[in-house]
Amino acid sequence: MSVPLYEAKAEMFRLLGHPVRIRVLELLQDGPKPVRELLAEIEVEPTGLSQHLAVLRRSGLVTAQREGTTVVYALAGGRVAGLLRAARELLAEQLSSQHKLLSELLEDTAGSGAL
């Protein structure tokens, strides 16, 4: 039995729903990186990073390639970077709207002399 599309999308977003995973994907936008570089950039224990990388690898969002004793991770495709860009744009829109509302509130408060 196939999974409805909305459930598949929800599962993908669930996989992306951890800050460490998002940070890994952001770092990999600049190109492939060995695990030691990812560890240097992310404040997480090596075992924790390993678990998050395994989730991203199983989901097909990143690829792993062994180079000697080092494992190098990369984004599986350009669409992942596009998804991260879209998320940044949505967040910027939301924060911009909140900033405008706060500005209006502060202007109104300054005019009335009370919070």
PDB file of N, CA and C in Angstrom:
ATOM      1  N   MET A   1       0.851  -1.182   0.000  1.00  0.00           N
ATOM      2  CA  MET A   1       0.000   0.000   0.000  1.00  0.00           C
ATOM      3  C   MET A   1       0.895   1.243   0.000  1.00  0.00           C
ATOM      4  N   SER A   2       0.613   2.172  -0.898  1.00  0.00           N
ATOM      5  CA  SER A   2       1.443   3.365  -0.983  1.00  0.00           C
ATOM      6  C   SER A   2       1.012   4.393   0.056  1.00  0.00           C
ATOM      7  N   VAL A   3       1.953   5.243   0.413  1.00  0.00           N
ATOM      8  CA  VAL A   3       1.716   6.296   1.395  1.00  0.00           C
ATOM      9  C   VAL A   3       1.199   7.529   0.648  1.00  0.00           C
ATOM     10  N   PRO A   4       0.162   8.198   1.180  1.00  0.00           N
ATOM     11  CA  PRO A   4      -0.303   9.422   0.537  1.00  0.00           C
ATOM     12  C   PRO A   4       0.814  10.467   0.475  1.00  0.00           C
ATOM     13  N   LEU A   5       0.782  11.286  -0.548  1.00  0.00           N
ATOM     14  CA  LEU A   5       1.826  12.285  -0.766  1.00  0.00           C
ATOM     15  C   LEU A   5       2.002  13.198   0.442  1.00  0.00           C
ATOM     16  N   TYR A   6       0.901  13.635   1.054  1.00  0.00           N
ATOM     17  CA  TYR A   6       1.011  14.532   2.197  1.00  0.00           C
ATOM     18  C   TYR A   6       1.736  13.860   3.369  1.00  0.00           C
ATOM     19  N   GLU A   7       1.573  12.547   3.524  1.00  0.00           N
ATOM     20  CA  GLU A   7       2.284  11.839   4.587  1.00  0.00           C
ATOM     21  C   GLU A   7       3.769  11.725   4.253  1.00  0.00           C
ATOM     22  N   ALA A   8       4.094  11.497   2.996  1.00  0.00           N
ATOM     23  CA  ALA A   8       5.493  11.434   2.578  1.00  0.00           C
ATOM     24  C   ALA A   8       6.177  12.782   2.789  1.00  0.00           C
ATOM     25  N   LYS A   9       5.469  13.863   2.482  1.00  0.00           N
ATOM     26  CA  LYS A   9       6.020  15.208   2.706  1.00  0.00           C
ATOM     27  C   LYS A   9       6.230  15.455   4.199  1.00  0.00           C
ATOM     28  N   ALA A  10       5.254  15.061   5.001  1.00  0.00           N
ATOM     29  CA  ALA A  10       5.378  15.249   6.450  1.00  0.00           C
ATOM     30  C   ALA A  10       6.582  14.490   6.988  1.00  0.00           C
ATOM     31  N   GLU A  11       6.821  13.302   6.479  1.00  0.00           N
ATOM     32  CA  GLU A  11       7.976  12.511   6.911  1.00  0.00           C
ATOM     33  C   GLU A  11       9.278  13.202   6.521  1.00  0.00           C
ATOM     34  N   MET A  12       9.324  13.775   5.323  1.00  0.00           N
ATOM     35  CA  MET A  12      10.529  14.488   4.902  1.00  0.00           C
ATOM     36  C   MET A  12      10.793  15.681   5.825  1.00  0.00           C
ATOM     37  N   PHE A  13       9.746  16.447   6.133  1.00  0.00           N
ATOM     38  CA  PHE A  13       9.929  17.591   7.022  1.00  0.00           C
ATOM     39  C   PHE A  13      10.293  17.139   8.436  1.00  0.00           C
ATOM     40  N   ARG A  14       9.783  15.984   8.860  1.00  0.00           N
ATOM     41  CA  ARG A  14      10.162  15.452  10.173  1.00  0.00           C
ATOM     42  C   ARG A  14      11.662  15.152  10.198  1.00  0.00           C
ATOM     43  N   LEU A  15      12.148  14.577   9.098  1.00  0.00           N
ATOM     44  CA  LEU A  15      13.584  14.283   9.007  1.00  0.00           C
ATOM     45  C   LEU A  15      14.418  15.558   9.083  1.00  0.00           C
ATOM     46  N   LEU A  16      13.880  16.641   8.550  1.00  0.00           N
ATOM     47  CA  LEU A  16      14.585  17.923   8.572  1.00  0.00           C
ATOM     48  C   LEU A  16      14.351  18.689   9.875  1.00  0.00           C
ATOM     49  N   GLY A  17      13.535  18.148  10.756  1.00  0.00           N
ATOM     50  CA  GLY A  17      13.093  18.871  11.936  1.00  0.00           C
ATOM     51  C   GLY A  17      14.051  18.885  13.108  1.00  0.00           C
ATOM     52  N   HIS A  18      15.339  18.819  12.861  1.00  0.00           N
ATOM     53  CA  HIS A  18      16.315  18.908  13.950  1.00  0.00           C
ATOM     54  C   HIS A  18      17.383  19.931  13.571  1.00  0.00           C
ATOM     55  N   PRO A  19      17.732  20.826  14.494  1.00  0.00           N
ATOM     56  CA  PRO A  19      18.711  21.875  14.179  1.00  0.00           C
ATOM     57  C   PRO A  19      20.064  21.346  13.696  1.00  0.00           C
ATOM     58  N   VAL A  20      20.507  20.231  14.229  1.00  0.00           N
ATOM     59  CA  VAL A  20      21.800  19.679  13.798  1.00  0.00           C
ATOM     60  C   VAL A  20      21.734  19.265  12.334  1.00  0.00           C
ATOM     61  N   ARG A  21      20.641  18.653  11.940  1.00  0.00           N
ATOM     62  CA  ARG A  21      20.510  18.220  10.542  1.00  0.00           C
ATOM     63  C   ARG A  21      20.457  19.416   9.599  1.00  0.00           C
ATOM     64  N   ILE A  22      19.726  20.438   9.993  1.00  0.00           N
ATOM     65  CA  ILE A  22      19.667  21.648   9.168  1.00  0.00           C
ATOM     66  C   ILE A  22      21.053  22.264   9.057  1.00  0.00           C
ATOM     67  N   ARG A  23      21.777  22.331  10.164  1.00  0.00           N
ATOM     68  CA  ARG A  23      23.129  22.924  10.138  1.00  0.00           C
ATOM     69  C   ARG A  23      24.051  22.116   9.242  1.00  0.00           C
ATOM     70  N   VAL A  24      23.980  20.800   9.304  1.00  0.00           N
ATOM     71  CA  VAL A  24      24.798  19.948   8.433  1.00  0.00           C
ATOM     72  C   VAL A  24      24.494  20.273   6.973  1.00  0.00           C
ATOM     73  N   LEU A  25      23.221  20.339   6.628  1.00  0.00           N
ATOM     74  CA  LEU A  25      22.847  20.623   5.248  1.00  0.00           C
ATOM     75  C   LEU A  25      23.326  22.004   4.815  1.00  0.00           C
ATOM     76  N   GLU A  26      23.223  22.984   5.716  1.00  0.00           N
ATOM     77  CA  GLU A  26      23.721  24.329   5.396  1.00  0.00           C
ATOM     78  C   GLU A  26      25.219  24.313   5.122  1.00  0.00           C
ATOM     79  N   LEU A  27      25.961  23.613   5.966  1.00  0.00           N
ATOM     80  CA  LEU A  27      27.418  23.545   5.784  1.00  0.00           C
ATOM     81  C   LEU A  27      27.796  22.839   4.480  1.00  0.00           C
ATOM     82  N   LEU A  28      27.030  21.838   4.109  1.00  0.00           N
ATOM     83  CA  LEU A  28      27.337  21.081   2.899  1.00  0.00           C
ATOM     84  C   LEU A  28      26.976  21.841   1.624  1.00  0.00           C
ATOM     85  N   GLN A  29      26.242  22.942   1.751  1.00  0.00           N
ATOM     86  CA  GLN A  29      25.939  23.762   0.579  1.00  0.00           C
ATOM     87  C   GLN A  29      27.214  24.325  -0.044  1.00  0.00           C
ATOM     88  N   ASP A  30      28.244  24.503   0.778  1.00  0.00           N
ATOM     89  CA  ASP A  30      29.518  25.040   0.293  1.00  0.00           C
ATOM     90  C   ASP A  30      30.378  23.975  -0.371  1.00  0.00           C
ATOM     91  N   GLY A  31      29.928  22.740  -0.348  1.00  0.00           N
ATOM     92  CA  GLY A  31      30.665  21.648  -0.953  1.00  0.00           C
ATOM     93  C   GLY A  31      30.879  20.519   0.030  1.00  0.00           C
ATOM     94  N   PRO A  32      31.372  19.380  -0.472  1.00  0.00           N
ATOM     95  CA  PRO A  32      31.597  18.214   0.390  1.00  0.00           C
ATOM     96  C   PRO A  32      32.534  18.529   1.551  1.00  0.00           C
ATOM     97  N   LYS A  33      32.263  17.892   2.681  1.00  0.00           N
ATOM     98  CA  LYS A  33      33.086  18.105   3.877  1.00  0.00           C
ATOM     99  C   LYS A  33      33.291  16.787   4.604  1.00  0.00           C
ATOM    100  N   PRO A  34      34.517  16.594   5.119  1.00  0.00           N
ATOM    101  CA  PRO A  34      34.750  15.420   5.961  1.00  0.00           C
ATOM    102  C   PRO A  34      34.084  15.605   7.326  1.00  0.00           C
ATOM    103  N   VAL A  35      33.846  14.516   7.991  1.00  0.00           N
ATOM    104  CA  VAL A  35      33.179  14.548   9.292  1.00  0.00           C
ATOM    105  C   VAL A  35      33.913  15.459  10.270  1.00  0.00           C
ATOM    106  N   ARG A  36      35.240  15.444  10.270  1.00  0.00           N
ATOM    107  CA  ARG A  36      35.989  16.271  11.236  1.00  0.00           C
ATOM    108  C   ARG A  36      35.693  17.764  11.052  1.00  0.00           C
ATOM    109  N   GLU A  37      35.477  18.211   9.804  1.00  0.00           N
ATOM    110  CA  GLU A  37      35.131  19.619   9.569  1.00  0.00           C
ATOM    111  C   GLU A  37      33.724  19.928  10.065  1.00  0.00           C
ATOM    112  N   LEU A  38      32.817  18.988   9.861  1.00  0.00           N
ATOM    113  CA  LEU A  38      31.459  19.179  10.365  1.00  0.00           C
ATOM    114  C   LEU A  38      31.461  19.259  11.884  1.00  0.00           C
ATOM    115  N   LEU A  39      32.229  18.389  12.518  1.00  0.00           N
ATOM    116  CA  LEU A  39      32.332  18.406  13.987  1.00  0.00           C
ATOM    117  C   LEU A  39      32.889  19.721  14.500  1.00  0.00           C
ATOM    118  N   ALA A  40      33.849  20.291  13.764  1.00  0.00           N
ATOM    119  CA  ALA A  40      34.451  21.560  14.178  1.00  0.00           C
ATOM    120  C   ALA A  40      33.450  22.712  14.108  1.00  0.00           C
ATOM    121  N   GLU A  41      32.465  22.590  13.241  1.00  0.00           N
ATOM    122  CA  GLU A  41      31.486  23.663  13.035  1.00  0.00           C
ATOM    123  C   GLU A  41      30.221  23.515  13.876  1.00  0.00           C
ATOM    124  N   ILE A  42      29.948  22.300  14.326  1.00  0.00           N
ATOM    125  CA  ILE A  42      28.689  22.022  15.031  1.00  0.00           C
ATOM    126  C   ILE A  42      29.007  21.539  16.435  1.00  0.00           C
ATOM    127  N   GLU A  43      28.375  22.148  17.414  1.00  0.00           N
ATOM    128  CA  GLU A  43      28.594  21.753  18.799  1.00  0.00           C
ATOM    129  C   GLU A  43      27.723  20.545  19.135  1.00  0.00           C
ATOM    130  N   VAL A  44      28.267  19.370  18.835  1.00  0.00           N
ATOM    131  CA  VAL A  44      27.563  18.125  19.101  1.00  0.00           C
ATOM    132  C   VAL A  44      28.615  17.037  19.293  1.00  0.00           C
ATOM    133  N   GLU A  45      28.284  16.039  20.072  1.00  0.00           N
ATOM    134  CA  GLU A  45      29.190  14.914  20.279  1.00  0.00           C
ATOM    135  C   GLU A  45      29.341  14.129  18.976  1.00  0.00           C
ATOM    136  N   PRO A  46      30.497  13.518  18.757  1.00  0.00           N
ATOM    137  CA  PRO A  46      30.693  12.740  17.529  1.00  0.00           C
ATOM    138  C   PRO A  46      29.629  11.672  17.302  1.00  0.00           C
ATOM    139  N   THR A  47      29.199  10.999  18.370  1.00  0.00           N
ATOM    140  CA  THR A  47      28.171   9.963  18.193  1.00  0.00           C
ATOM    141  C   THR A  47      26.843  10.579  17.763  1.00  0.00           C
ATOM    142  N   GLY A  48      26.519  11.747  18.302  1.00  0.00           N
ATOM    143  CA  GLY A  48      25.290  12.440  17.915  1.00  0.00           C
ATOM    144  C   GLY A  48      25.322  12.851  16.460  1.00  0.00           C
ATOM    145  N   LEU A  49      26.457  13.406  16.034  1.00  0.00           N
ATOM    146  CA  LEU A  49      26.588  13.805  14.629  1.00  0.00           C
ATOM    147  C   LEU A  49      26.475  12.589  13.724  1.00  0.00           C
ATOM    148  N   SER A  50      27.104  11.508  14.136  1.00  0.00           N
ATOM    149  CA  SER A  50      27.051  10.282  13.348  1.00  0.00           C
ATOM    150  C   SER A  50      25.609   9.815  13.159  1.00  0.00           C
ATOM    151  N   GLN A  51      24.803   9.889  14.205  1.00  0.00           N
ATOM    152  CA  GLN A  51      23.400   9.476  14.116  1.00  0.00           C
ATOM    153  C   GLN A  51      22.624  10.376  13.159  1.00  0.00           C
ATOM    154  N   HIS A  52      22.859  11.687  13.252  1.00  0.00           N
ATOM    155  CA  HIS A  52      22.159  12.619  12.361  1.00  0.00           C
ATOM    156  C   HIS A  52      22.591  12.426  10.912  1.00  0.00           C
ATOM    157  N   LEU A  53      23.873  12.196  10.694  1.00  0.00           N
ATOM    158  CA  LEU A  53      24.354  11.946   9.336  1.00  0.00           C
ATOM    159  C   LEU A  53      23.748  10.665   8.773  1.00  0.00           C
ATOM    160  N   ALA A  54      23.579   9.668   9.609  1.00  0.00           N
ATOM    161  CA  ALA A  54      22.973   8.406   9.165  1.00  0.00           C
ATOM    162  C   ALA A  54      21.521   8.624   8.734  1.00  0.00           C
ATOM    163  N   VAL A  55      20.783   9.435   9.484  1.00  0.00           N
ATOM    164  CA  VAL A  55      19.399   9.743   9.125  1.00  0.00           C
ATOM    165  C   VAL A  55      19.357  10.466   7.780  1.00  0.00           C
ATOM    166  N   LEU A  56      20.234  11.458   7.611  1.00  0.00           N
ATOM    167  CA  LEU A  56      20.271  12.216   6.354  1.00  0.00           C
ATOM    168  C   LEU A  56      20.685  11.326   5.179  1.00  0.00           C
ATOM    169  N   ARG A  57      21.607  10.421   5.434  1.00  0.00           N
ATOM    170  CA  ARG A  57      22.068   9.512   4.378  1.00  0.00           C
ATOM    171  C   ARG A  57      20.953   8.536   3.984  1.00  0.00           C
ATOM    172  N   ARG A  58      20.293   7.941   4.979  1.00  0.00           N
ATOM    173  CA  ARG A  58      19.203   6.994   4.697  1.00  0.00           C
ATOM    174  C   ARG A  58      18.053   7.672   3.953  1.00  0.00           C
ATOM    175  N   SER A  59      17.827   8.941   4.243  1.00  0.00           N
ATOM    176  CA  SER A  59      16.728   9.659   3.597  1.00  0.00           C
ATOM    177  C   SER A  59      17.089  10.105   2.182  1.00  0.00           C
ATOM    178  N   GLY A  60      18.358   9.967   1.819  1.00  0.00           N
ATOM    179  CA  GLY A  60      18.786  10.337   0.474  1.00  0.00           C
ATOM    180  C   GLY A  60      19.112  11.807   0.297  1.00  0.00           C
ATOM    181  N   LEU A  61      19.193  12.558   1.406  1.00  0.00           N
ATOM    182  CA  LEU A  61      19.501  13.984   1.318  1.00  0.00           C
ATOM    183  C   LEU A  61      20.998  14.251   1.207  1.00  0.00           C
ATOM    184  N   VAL A  62      21.813  13.337   1.736  1.00  0.00           N
ATOM    185  CA  VAL A  62      23.266  13.468   1.620  1.00  0.00           C
ATOM    186  C   VAL A  62      23.846  12.147   1.134  1.00  0.00           C
ATOM    187  N   THR A  63      25.045  12.253   0.587  1.00  0.00           N
ATOM    188  CA  THR A  63      25.789  11.066   0.190  1.00  0.00           C
ATOM    189  C   THR A  63      27.066  11.013   1.023  1.00  0.00           C
ATOM    190  N   ALA A  64      27.616   9.832   1.160  1.00  0.00           N
ATOM    191  CA  ALA A  64      28.863   9.642   1.907  1.00  0.00           C
ATOM    192  C   ALA A  64      29.834   8.882   1.026  1.00  0.00           C
ATOM    193  N   GLN A  65      31.085   9.338   1.049  1.00  0.00           N
ATOM    194  CA  GLN A  65      32.124   8.664   0.284  1.00  0.00           C
ATOM    195  C   GLN A  65      33.347   8.515   1.170  1.00  0.00           C
ATOM    196  N   ARG A  66      33.865   7.315   1.233  1.00  0.00           N
ATOM    197  CA  ARG A  66      35.053   7.056   2.046  1.00  0.00           C
ATOM    198  C   ARG A  66      36.294   7.405   1.239  1.00  0.00           C
ATOM    199  N   GLU A  67      37.168   8.206   1.860  1.00  0.00           N
ATOM    200  CA  GLU A  67      38.462   8.558   1.266  1.00  0.00           C
ATOM    201  C   GLU A  67      39.534   8.178   2.283  1.00  0.00           C
ATOM    202  N   GLY A  68      40.046   6.972   2.148  1.00  0.00           N
ATOM    203  CA  GLY A  68      40.984   6.450   3.138  1.00  0.00           C
ATOM    204  C   GLY A  68      40.242   6.170   4.424  1.00  0.00           C
ATOM    205  N   THR A  69      40.687   6.807   5.514  1.00  0.00           N
ATOM    206  CA  THR A  69      40.024   6.622   6.809  1.00  0.00           C
ATOM    207  C   THR A  69      38.979   7.703   7.071  1.00  0.00           C
ATOM    208  N   THR A  70      38.809   8.610   6.115  1.00  0.00           N
ATOM    209  CA  THR A  70      37.891   9.733   6.278  1.00  0.00           C
ATOM    210  C   THR A  70      36.620   9.504   5.476  1.00  0.00           C
ATOM    211  N   VAL A  71      35.491   9.904   6.064  1.00  0.00           N
ATOM    212  CA  VAL A  71      34.222   9.862   5.339  1.00  0.00           C
ATOM    213  C   VAL A  71      33.855  11.303   5.001  1.00  0.00           C
ATOM    214  N   VAL A  72      33.602  11.533   3.714  1.00  0.00           N
ATOM    215  CA  VAL A  72      33.254  12.863   3.228  1.00  0.00           C
ATOM    216  C   VAL A  72      31.779  12.865   2.841  1.00  0.00           C
ATOM    217  N   TYR A  73      31.053  13.857   3.345  1.00  0.00           N
ATOM    218  CA  TYR A  73      29.620  13.976   3.065  1.00  0.00           C
ATOM    219  C   TYR A  73      29.379  15.110   2.080  1.00  0.00           C
ATOM    220  N   ALA A  74      28.322  14.949   1.281  1.00  0.00           N
ATOM    221  CA  ALA A  74      27.930  15.960   0.301  1.00  0.00           C
ATOM    222  C   ALA A  74      26.415  15.954   0.169  1.00  0.00           C
ATOM    223  N   LEU A  75      25.867  17.080  -0.285  1.00  0.00           N
ATOM    224  CA  LEU A  75      24.442  17.117  -0.581  1.00  0.00           C
ATOM    225  C   LEU A  75      24.162  16.172  -1.739  1.00  0.00           C
ATOM    226  N   ALA A  76      23.022  15.515  -1.693  1.00  0.00           N
ATOM    227  CA  ALA A  76      22.673  14.558  -2.737  1.00  0.00           C
ATOM    228  C   ALA A  76      22.264  15.251  -4.028  1.00  0.00           C
ATOM    229  N   GLY A  77      21.911  16.527  -3.966  1.00  0.00           N
ATOM    230  CA  GLY A  77      21.517  17.248  -5.165  1.00  0.00           C
ATOM    231  C   GLY A  77      21.218  18.699  -4.861  1.00  0.00           C
ATOM    232  N   GLY A  78      21.043  19.470  -5.913  1.00  0.00           N
ATOM    233  CA  GLY A  78      20.794  20.902  -5.768  1.00  0.00           C
ATOM    234  C   GLY A  78      19.448  21.256  -5.174  1.00  0.00           C
ATOM    235  N   ARG A  79      18.530  20.325  -5.226  1.00  0.00           N
ATOM    236  CA  ARG A  79      17.194  20.620  -4.694  1.00  0.00           C
ATOM    237  C   ARG A  79      17.204  20.810  -3.178  1.00  0.00           C
ATOM    238  N   VAL A  80      18.125  20.161  -2.497  1.00  0.00           N
ATOM    239  CA  VAL A  80      18.227  20.328  -1.034  1.00  0.00           C
ATOM    240  C   VAL A  80      18.614  21.770  -0.729  1.00  0.00           C
ATOM    241  N   ALA A  81      19.587  22.305  -1.469  1.00  0.00           N
ATOM    242  CA  ALA A  81      19.996  23.698  -1.277  1.00  0.00           C
ATOM    243  C   ALA A  81      18.835  24.631  -1.590  1.00  0.00           C
ATOM    244  N   GLY A  82      18.051  24.306  -2.608  1.00  0.00           N
ATOM    245  CA  GLY A  82      16.887  25.119  -2.952  1.00  0.00           C
ATOM    246  C   GLY A  82      15.846  25.117  -1.843  1.00  0.00           C
ATOM    247  N   LEU A  83      15.656  23.987  -1.216  1.00  0.00           N
ATOM    248  CA  LEU A  83      14.720  23.891  -0.103  1.00  0.00           C
ATOM    249  C   LEU A  83      15.187  24.759   1.068  1.00  0.00           C
ATOM    250  N   LEU A  84      16.482  24.735   1.354  1.00  0.00           N
ATOM    251  CA  LEU A  84      17.022  25.562   2.433  1.00  0.00           C
ATOM    252  C   LEU A  84      16.873  27.056   2.111  1.00  0.00           C
ATOM    253  N   ARG A  85      17.094  27.423   0.842  1.00  0.00           N
ATOM    254  CA  ARG A  85      16.902  28.814   0.417  1.00  0.00           C
ATOM    255  C   ARG A  85      15.452  29.233   0.601  1.00  0.00           C
ATOM    256  N   ALA A  86      14.527  28.369   0.185  1.00  0.00           N
ATOM    257  CA  ALA A  86      13.101  28.671   0.328  1.00  0.00           C
ATOM    258  C   ALA A  86      12.733  28.856   1.805  1.00  0.00           C
ATOM    259  N   ALA A  87      13.281  28.025   2.674  1.00  0.00           N
ATOM    260  CA  ALA A  87      13.013  28.142   4.114  1.00  0.00           C
ATOM    261  C   ALA A  87      13.532  29.481   4.643  1.00  0.00           C
ATOM    262  N   ARG A  88      14.730  29.888   4.200  1.00  0.00           N
ATOM    263  CA  ARG A  88      15.280  31.184   4.627  1.00  0.00           C
ATOM    264  C   ARG A  88      14.388  32.333   4.165  1.00  0.00           C
ATOM    265  N   GLU A  89      13.907  32.247   2.920  1.00  0.00           N
ATOM    266  CA  GLU A  89      13.044  33.301   2.390  1.00  0.00           C
ATOM    267  C   GLU A  89      11.731  33.383   3.151  1.00  0.00           C
ATOM    268  N   LEU A  90      11.129  32.233   3.458  1.00  0.00           N
ATOM    269  CA  LEU A  90       9.892  32.219   4.240  1.00  0.00           C
ATOM    270  C   LEU A  90      10.109  32.804   5.632  1.00  0.00           C
ATOM    271  N   LEU A  91      11.203  32.421   6.258  1.00  0.00           N
ATOM    272  CA  LEU A  91      11.517  32.935   7.594  1.00  0.00           C
ATOM    273  C   LEU A  91      11.750  34.444   7.553  1.00  0.00           C
ATOM    274  N   ALA A  92      12.448  34.916   6.535  1.00  0.00           N
ATOM    275  CA  ALA A  92      12.690  36.358   6.395  1.00  0.00           C
ATOM    276  C   ALA A  92      11.375  37.118   6.243  1.00  0.00           C
ATOM    277  N   GLU A  93      10.445  36.566   5.458  1.00  0.00           N
ATOM    278  CA  GLU A  93       9.130  37.199   5.296  1.00  0.00           C
ATOM    279  C   GLU A  93       8.385  37.260   6.617  1.00  0.00           C
ATOM    280  N   GLN A  94       8.408  36.163   7.356  1.00  0.00           N
ATOM    281  CA  GLN A  94       7.713  36.126   8.647  1.00  0.00           C
ATOM    282  C   GLN A  94       8.310  37.136   9.622  1.00  0.00           C
ATOM    283  N   LEU A  95       9.622  37.156   9.699  1.00  0.00           N
ATOM    284  CA  LEU A  95      10.279  38.074  10.631  1.00  0.00           C
ATOM    285  C   LEU A  95      10.081  39.527  10.215  1.00  0.00           C
ATOM    286  N   SER A  96      10.060  39.784   8.921  1.00  0.00           N
ATOM    287  CA  SER A  96       9.819  41.128   8.426  1.00  0.00           C
ATOM    288  C   SER A  96       8.428  41.605   8.830  1.00  0.00           C
ATOM    289  N   SER A  97       7.444  40.740   8.696  1.00  0.00           N
ATOM    290  CA  SER A  97       6.076  41.082   9.091  1.00  0.00           C
ATOM    291  C   SER A  97       6.006  41.354  10.590  1.00  0.00           C
ATOM    292  N   GLN A  98       6.685  40.528  11.376  1.00  0.00           N
ATOM    293  CA  GLN A  98       6.689  40.720  12.825  1.00  0.00           C
ATOM    294  C   GLN A  98       7.395  42.026  13.194  1.00  0.00           C
ATOM    295  N   HIS A  99       8.473  42.342  12.468  1.00  0.00           N
ATOM    296  CA  HIS A  99       9.216  43.580  12.735  1.00  0.00           C
ATOM    297  C   HIS A  99       8.333  44.795  12.437  1.00  0.00           C
ATOM    298  N   LYS A 100       7.597  44.730  11.331  1.00  0.00           N
ATOM    299  CA  LYS A 100       6.696  45.836  10.981  1.00  0.00           C
ATOM    300  C   LYS A 100       5.632  46.009  12.052  1.00  0.00           C
ATOM    301  N   LEU A 101       5.075  44.912  12.518  1.00  0.00           N
ATOM    302  CA  LEU A 101       4.051  44.968  13.558  1.00  0.00           C
ATOM    303  C   LEU A 101       4.624  45.547  14.851  1.00  0.00           C
ATOM    304  N   LEU A 102       5.819  45.127  15.217  1.00  0.00           N
ATOM    305  CA  LEU A 102       6.467  45.654  16.414  1.00  0.00           C
ATOM    306  C   LEU A 102       6.721  47.152  16.274  1.00  0.00           C
ATOM    307  N   SER A 103       7.181  47.584  15.109  1.00  0.00           N
ATOM    308  CA  SER A 103       7.419  49.014  14.878  1.00  0.00           C
ATOM    309  C   SER A 103       6.137  49.810  15.039  1.00  0.00           C
ATOM    310  N   GLU A 104       5.044  49.288  14.463  1.00  0.00           N
ATOM    311  CA  GLU A 104       3.757  49.970  14.593  1.00  0.00           C
ATOM    312  C   GLU A 104       3.318  50.034  16.053  1.00  0.00           C
ATOM    313  N   LEU A 105       3.515  48.961  16.771  1.00  0.00           N
ATOM    314  CA  LEU A 105       3.142  48.917  18.172  1.00  0.00           C
ATOM    315  C   LEU A 105       3.940  49.920  18.980  1.00  0.00           C
ATOM    316  N   LEU A 106       5.255  49.980  18.725  1.00  0.00           N
ATOM    317  CA  LEU A 106       6.104  50.928  19.450  1.00  0.00           C
ATOM    318  C   LEU A 106       5.759  52.374  19.102  1.00  0.00           C
ATOM    319  N   GLU A 107       5.451  52.645  17.842  1.00  0.00           N
ATOM    320  CA  GLU A 107       5.041  54.003  17.448  1.00  0.00           C
ATOM    321  C   GLU A 107       3.750  54.387  18.133  1.00  0.00           C
ATOM    322  N   ASP A 108       2.788  53.452  18.172  1.00  0.00           N
ATOM    323  CA  ASP A 108       1.500  53.705  18.814  1.00  0.00           C
ATOM    324  C   ASP A 108       1.682  53.931  20.305  1.00  0.00           C
ATOM    325  N   THR A 109       2.572  53.139  20.914  1.00  0.00           N
ATOM    326  CA  THR A 109       2.834  53.255  22.347  1.00  0.00           C
ATOM    327  C   THR A 109       3.506  54.588  22.663  1.00  0.00           C
ATOM    328  N   ALA A 110       4.470  54.990  21.817  1.00  0.00           N
ATOM    329  CA  ALA A 110       5.157  56.254  22.038  1.00  0.00           C
ATOM    330  C   ALA A 110       4.174  57.423  21.927  1.00  0.00           C
ATOM    331  N   GLY A 111       3.225  57.311  21.030  1.00  0.00           N
ATOM    332  CA  GLY A 111       2.228  58.365  20.848  1.00  0.00           C
ATOM    333  C   GLY A 111       1.271  58.473  22.015  1.00  0.00           C
ATOM    334  N   SER A 112       0.950  57.341  22.623  1.00  0.00           N
ATOM    335  CA  SER A 112      -0.006  57.352  23.730  1.00  0.00           C
ATOM    336  C   SER A 112       0.674  57.483  25.088  1.00  0.00           C
ATOM    337  N   GLY A 113       2.002  57.255  25.115  1.00  0.00           N
ATOM    338  CA  GLY A 113       2.737  57.380  26.361  1.00  0.00           C
ATOM    339  C   GLY A 113       2.639  56.176  27.271  1.00  0.00           C
ATOM    340  N   ALA A 114       2.100  55.057  26.787  1.00  0.00           N
ATOM    341  CA  ALA A 114       1.974  53.865  27.627  1.00  0.00           C
ATOM    342  C   ALA A 114       2.249  52.626  26.794  1.00  0.00           C
ATOM    343  N   LEU A 115       2.703  51.588  27.450  1.00  0.00           N
ATOM    344  CA  LEU A 115       2.876  50.287  26.812  1.00  0.00           C
ATOM    345  C   LEU A 115       1.596  49.589  26.932  1.00  0.00           C
TER     346      LEU A 115
END
